[in-house]
Amino acid sequence: MDVASRISFRYTEATKAGTPIPEEKRKAAGPVQGTLLGGGTYSLAEDMGKIVLLNFWGSWCGPCINEAPQLDTIYRQHKASGVMVVGLDVKDSKDKVHNRAALQPCI
């Protein structure tokens, strides 16, 4: 639900599941770095070789708000095995993001 406008979101369709890219054909992500909400900095380069899900989101995005608890659950269930979920919000002020952020780390 979009809390501000009280609008519920319901997914009605999705794209077909893709095929995993063979490891030898995968390309490295570009540079991703920023200031963490909790202080300090994060650089994707620090997690080279790990599984990192980059989640681009915004506090104004209804579907983003809906998926945040699910991604947080995935992170908590798999962080011990090295899986990272990194939230990136490039439009909101730090105060707005801090009030909505569920993912750790979040830049």
Protein backbone atom coordinates (compact mmCIF):
# COMPACT_ATOMS: atom_id res chain seq x y z
CA MET A 1 0.00 0.00 0.00
CA ASP A 2 1.20 3.50 -0.81
CA VAL A 3 0.91 4.99 2.66
CA ALA A 4 0.78 8.60 1.46
CA SER A 5 -2.07 8.12 -1.01
CA ARG A 6 -3.63 5.00 0.58
CA ILE A 7 -3.45 3.18 -2.78
CA SER A 8 -2.90 -0.58 -2.81
CA PHE A 9 -0.66 -2.14 -5.41
CA ARG A 10 -1.27 -5.60 -6.84
CA TYR A 11 1.03 -7.30 -9.30
CA THR A 12 -1.00 -8.75 -12.14
CA GLU A 13 1.71 -10.08 -14.41
CA ALA A 14 5.44 -10.54 -14.70
CA THR A 15 8.00 -11.25 -17.34
CA LYS A 16 8.99 -14.86 -17.95
CA ALA A 17 11.80 -16.21 -15.85
CA GLY A 18 15.15 -15.65 -17.50
CA THR A 19 18.06 -17.97 -18.00
CA PRO A 20 21.10 -17.59 -15.75
CA ILE A 21 24.11 -16.15 -17.56
CA PRO A 22 27.00 -18.63 -17.57
CA GLU A 23 29.74 -17.50 -15.18
CA GLU A 24 32.33 -17.10 -17.94
CA LYS A 25 30.03 -14.69 -19.83
CA ARG A 26 29.13 -12.48 -16.86
CA LYS A 27 30.43 -8.92 -16.78
CA ALA A 28 31.51 -7.03 -13.71
CA ALA A 29 29.19 -4.28 -12.51
CA GLY A 30 30.38 -0.72 -12.83
CA PRO A 31 31.50 1.33 -9.83
CA VAL A 32 28.78 1.63 -7.18
CA GLN A 33 29.58 3.52 -4.02
CA GLY A 34 28.02 5.94 -1.60
CA THR A 35 27.48 7.07 1.96
CA LEU A 36 25.67 4.59 4.20
CA LEU A 37 22.62 5.75 6.14
CA GLY A 38 24.15 4.41 9.32
CA GLY A 39 27.44 6.20 8.68
CA GLY A 40 30.54 5.25 6.76
CA THR A 41 30.76 4.40 3.10
CA TYR A 42 30.02 1.42 0.89
CA SER A 43 31.74 0.36 -2.30
CA LEU A 44 30.56 -2.58 -4.38
CA ALA A 45 34.22 -3.33 -5.12
CA GLU A 46 34.59 -4.39 -1.46
CA ASP A 47 32.23 -7.31 -2.14
CA MET A 48 33.93 -8.58 -5.30
CA GLY A 49 33.12 -12.26 -5.77
CA LYS A 50 30.08 -12.20 -3.46
CA ILE A 51 26.44 -12.36 -4.43
CA VAL A 52 25.11 -8.79 -4.23
CA LEU A 53 21.57 -7.80 -5.12
CA LEU A 54 21.44 -4.08 -5.97
CA ASN A 55 17.95 -2.75 -5.29
CA PHE A 56 17.22 0.67 -6.79
CA TRP A 57 14.23 2.10 -4.93
CA GLY A 58 12.52 5.25 -3.70
CA SER A 59 10.33 6.14 -0.74
CA TRP A 60 7.73 7.45 -3.21
CA CYS A 61 7.59 4.14 -5.16
CA GLY A 62 4.64 1.93 -4.12
CA PRO A 63 6.02 -1.32 -5.54
CA CYS A 64 9.39 -0.54 -3.90
CA ILE A 65 7.68 -0.19 -0.53
CA ASN A 66 5.86 -3.50 -1.09
CA GLU A 67 9.04 -5.41 -1.93
CA ALA A 68 11.22 -3.94 0.85
CA PRO A 69 10.06 -6.36 3.60
CA GLN A 70 10.53 -9.32 1.23
CA LEU A 71 14.06 -8.24 0.32
CA ASP A 72 14.84 -7.65 3.98
CA THR A 73 13.70 -11.22 4.75
CA ILE A 74 15.88 -12.60 1.95
CA TYR A 75 18.85 -10.63 3.28
CA ARG A 76 18.34 -11.84 6.85
CA GLN A 77 17.89 -15.47 5.75
CA HIS A 78 20.99 -15.56 3.55
CA LYS A 79 23.46 -13.04 4.98
CA ALA A 80 25.34 -15.78 6.86
CA SER A 81 26.19 -17.38 3.52
CA GLY A 82 27.55 -14.08 2.15
CA VAL A 83 24.52 -12.81 0.22
CA MET A 84 24.20 -9.01 0.31
CA VAL A 85 21.20 -6.83 -0.49
CA VAL A 86 22.17 -3.21 -1.04
CA GLY A 87 19.47 -0.56 -1.34
CA LEU A 88 20.21 2.48 -3.48
CA ASP A 89 18.02 5.58 -3.41
CA VAL A 90 19.34 8.51 -5.42
CA LYS A 91 16.33 10.87 -5.27
CA ASP A 92 15.16 11.11 -1.68
CA SER A 93 16.62 13.18 1.13
CA LYS A 94 18.50 11.27 3.81
CA ASP A 95 15.69 11.88 6.34
CA LYS A 96 13.03 10.39 4.05
CA VAL A 97 15.15 7.37 3.21
CA HIS A 98 16.14 6.72 6.82
CA ASN A 99 12.49 6.52 7.84
CA ARG A 100 11.71 3.88 5.19
CA ALA A 101 14.91 1.89 4.82
CA ALA A 102 14.69 -1.78 5.73
CA LEU A 103 17.72 -3.04 3.87
CA GLN A 104 21.24 -3.11 5.22
CA PRO A 105 23.39 -1.61 3.93
CA CYS A 106 21.53 1.23 2.24
CA ILE A 107 23.12 4.11 0.32
